Amino acid sequence: MAEEITLRTLADRDEIRELLHRCSELVDLGDFAGVAALFAHATLTAAGTDVRVSGAAEIEAIQRETMRDYGGALRTKHLATNTIVELGEDGASATARSCFVVLQAVPGELPLAPIMAGRYHDAFERADGRWRFASRHTLPDLVGDVSHHLRIHVEG
């Protein structure tokens, strides 16, 4: 049976997509505290790793520990596309699947290049009338030269 599309469901999907886009923007700006605030009530995991972090403090710490900073910015552009949002029947939960591509350029070190592509599987919950991240599972499918972006090894 097809889902009935209402102004409420459209607004919910827009709010969830905005969270996804805000996350990409904050990461690219090197705003680790901002990203951690977005995921303050969430657990982050990544395929092929034993990484499992929860809460703002842990999330901010792992970002600072694993991402390379170039004077306050990561010199990246995280693009989240092809997002499919599915709203829970309870009105308080949702999931989203997105594709992502990370571009990076570091003057004198790395010309503009796609360095990673994959998928995000996100869960959301409604709290105090607003959507927030409940979890994110990152699935890197294609991995290029991430040595200018990450301090850890990633396989795809």
Protein backbone atom coordinates (compact mmCIF):
# COMPACT_ATOMS: atom_id res chain seq x y z
CA MET A 1 0.00 0.00 0.00
CA ALA A 2 1.42 3.38 -0.97
CA GLU A 3 2.20 5.86 1.79
CA GLU A 4 -0.09 8.88 1.92
CA ILE A 5 1.95 12.01 1.28
CA THR A 6 0.89 14.89 3.50
CA LEU A 7 2.34 18.28 4.32
CA ARG A 8 3.50 16.77 7.62
CA THR A 9 5.37 13.91 5.96
CA LEU A 10 6.95 16.34 3.48
CA ALA A 11 8.03 18.59 6.36
CA ASP A 12 9.43 15.59 8.26
CA ARG A 13 11.45 14.48 5.24
CA ASP A 14 12.76 18.02 4.68
CA GLU A 15 13.83 18.30 8.32
CA ILE A 16 15.66 14.96 8.13
CA ARG A 17 17.39 15.88 4.86
CA GLU A 18 18.45 19.17 6.42
CA LEU A 19 20.11 17.26 9.28
CA LEU A 20 22.04 15.21 6.71
CA HIS A 21 23.17 18.32 4.84
CA ARG A 22 24.01 20.23 8.02
CA CYS A 23 26.22 17.32 9.08
CA SER A 24 28.16 17.46 5.79
CA GLU A 25 28.58 21.22 6.12
CA LEU A 26 29.83 21.03 9.70
CA VAL A 27 32.32 18.26 8.90
CA ASP A 28 33.73 20.24 5.97
CA LEU A 29 34.09 23.30 8.18
CA GLY A 30 36.00 21.26 10.75
CA ASP A 31 33.31 22.09 13.33
CA PHE A 32 33.76 18.95 15.39
CA ALA A 33 31.72 20.33 18.29
CA GLY A 34 28.86 21.10 15.90
CA VAL A 35 28.92 17.59 14.43
CA ALA A 36 29.07 16.11 17.93
CA ALA A 37 26.02 18.17 18.94
CA LEU A 38 24.08 16.78 15.95
CA PHE A 39 24.94 13.23 17.05
CA ALA A 40 24.70 13.84 20.81
CA HIS A 41 21.95 11.22 21.18
CA ALA A 42 23.30 8.83 18.56
CA THR A 43 25.64 5.91 18.15
CA LEU A 44 28.05 5.89 15.20
CA THR A 45 29.41 2.72 13.62
CA ALA A 46 31.34 1.97 10.43
CA ALA A 47 31.43 -1.19 8.33
CA GLY A 48 34.66 -3.15 8.53
CA THR A 49 35.71 -1.56 11.82
CA ASP A 50 35.05 -2.07 15.50
CA VAL A 51 34.34 1.66 15.87
CA ARG A 52 31.27 2.32 18.00
CA VAL A 53 30.99 5.75 19.59
CA SER A 54 28.08 7.39 21.37
CA GLY A 55 27.39 10.80 22.82
CA ALA A 56 28.78 14.21 22.01
CA ALA A 57 32.05 13.92 23.97
CA GLU A 58 33.09 10.59 22.41
CA ILE A 59 32.05 11.67 18.92
CA GLU A 60 33.95 14.95 19.09
CA ALA A 61 37.03 13.19 20.47
CA ILE A 62 37.13 10.54 17.72
CA GLN A 63 36.75 13.18 15.02
CA ARG A 64 39.61 15.23 16.41
CA GLU A 65 41.68 12.04 16.72
CA THR A 66 41.03 10.64 13.21
CA MET A 67 40.53 13.64 10.88
CA ARG A 68 43.30 15.86 9.54
CA ASP A 69 42.71 19.58 10.06
CA TYR A 70 44.18 22.24 7.79
CA GLY A 71 43.92 25.47 9.74
CA GLY A 72 40.36 24.94 10.90
CA ALA A 73 38.99 23.18 7.81
CA LEU A 74 39.35 19.69 6.42
CA ARG A 75 39.68 20.81 2.79
CA THR A 76 36.82 18.44 1.92
CA LYS A 77 33.33 18.51 0.48
CA HIS A 78 31.03 15.76 1.72
CA LEU A 79 28.12 15.33 -0.68
CA ALA A 80 25.12 13.29 0.50
CA THR A 81 22.83 12.31 -2.37
CA ASN A 82 20.06 9.94 -3.44
CA THR A 83 18.49 10.11 0.01
CA ILE A 84 15.55 7.84 0.70
CA VAL A 85 13.67 8.72 3.90
CA GLU A 86 11.22 6.25 5.42
CA LEU A 87 9.02 7.52 8.22
CA GLY A 88 7.95 5.14 10.96
CA GLU A 89 4.25 4.53 11.44
CA ASP A 90 4.64 5.72 15.03
CA GLY A 91 5.45 9.27 13.85
CA ALA A 92 8.48 9.32 16.15
CA SER A 93 11.03 7.29 14.18
CA ALA A 94 12.50 7.34 10.71
CA THR A 95 15.33 5.92 8.68
CA ALA A 96 17.30 7.29 5.75
CA ARG A 97 19.67 5.74 3.26
CA SER A 98 22.00 8.05 1.37
CA CYS A 99 24.95 7.80 -0.95
CA PHE A 100 27.96 9.99 -0.21
CA VAL A 101 31.02 11.20 -2.06
CA VAL A 102 33.91 12.97 -0.37
CA LEU A 103 36.00 15.35 -2.48
CA GLN A 104 39.25 16.82 -1.22
CA ALA A 105 41.94 19.22 -2.37
CA VAL A 106 44.98 20.24 -0.35
CA PRO A 107 47.04 22.94 -2.08
CA GLY A 108 50.54 21.71 -2.84
CA GLU A 109 49.74 18.19 -1.61
CA LEU A 110 46.61 16.78 -3.26
CA PRO A 111 44.80 18.02 -6.36
CA LEU A 112 40.99 17.98 -6.28
CA ALA A 113 39.94 14.34 -6.23
CA PRO A 114 37.16 12.07 -5.03
CA ILE A 115 38.68 10.25 -2.07
CA MET A 116 35.76 8.12 -0.90
CA ALA A 117 32.23 7.08 -1.85
CA GLY A 118 29.77 4.98 0.05
CA ARG A 119 26.50 4.90 1.91
CA TYR A 120 25.04 6.21 5.15
CA HIS A 121 22.31 4.27 6.93
CA ASP A 122 20.80 6.65 9.47
CA ALA A 123 18.07 6.31 12.07
CA PHE A 124 16.21 9.27 13.52
CA GLU A 125 13.91 9.88 16.44
CA ARG A 126 11.57 12.71 17.22
CA ALA A 127 12.24 14.42 20.57
CA ASP A 128 10.56 17.62 21.77
CA GLY A 129 8.87 18.00 18.38
CA ARG A 130 12.15 17.90 16.38
CA TRP A 131 14.02 15.16 14.54
CA ARG A 132 17.48 14.13 15.70
CA PHE A 133 20.00 11.45 14.79
CA ALA A 134 19.62 8.18 16.70
CA SER A 135 22.33 6.28 14.80
CA ARG A 136 24.57 6.36 11.75
CA HIS A 137 26.22 3.37 10.10
CA THR A 138 28.78 4.33 7.46
CA LEU A 139 29.50 1.89 4.65
CA PRO A 140 32.53 2.96 2.57
CA ASP A 141 32.20 1.29 -0.85
CA LEU A 142 35.00 2.98 -2.80
CA VAL A 143 38.12 4.27 -1.09
CA GLY A 144 40.84 6.30 -2.76
CA ASP A 145 43.69 8.25 -1.19
CA VAL A 146 42.28 9.25 2.21
CA SER A 147 45.72 9.89 3.72
CA HIS A 148 45.19 13.67 3.60
CA HIS A 149 41.78 13.35 5.27
CA LEU A 150 42.10 10.58 7.86
CA ARG A 151 44.77 9.49 10.29
CA ILE A 152 43.47 5.92 10.14
CA HIS A 153 43.39 3.26 7.42
CA VAL A 154 40.01 2.69 5.73
CA GLU A 155 39.18 -0.16 3.38
CA GLY A 156 36.37 -0.17 0.86
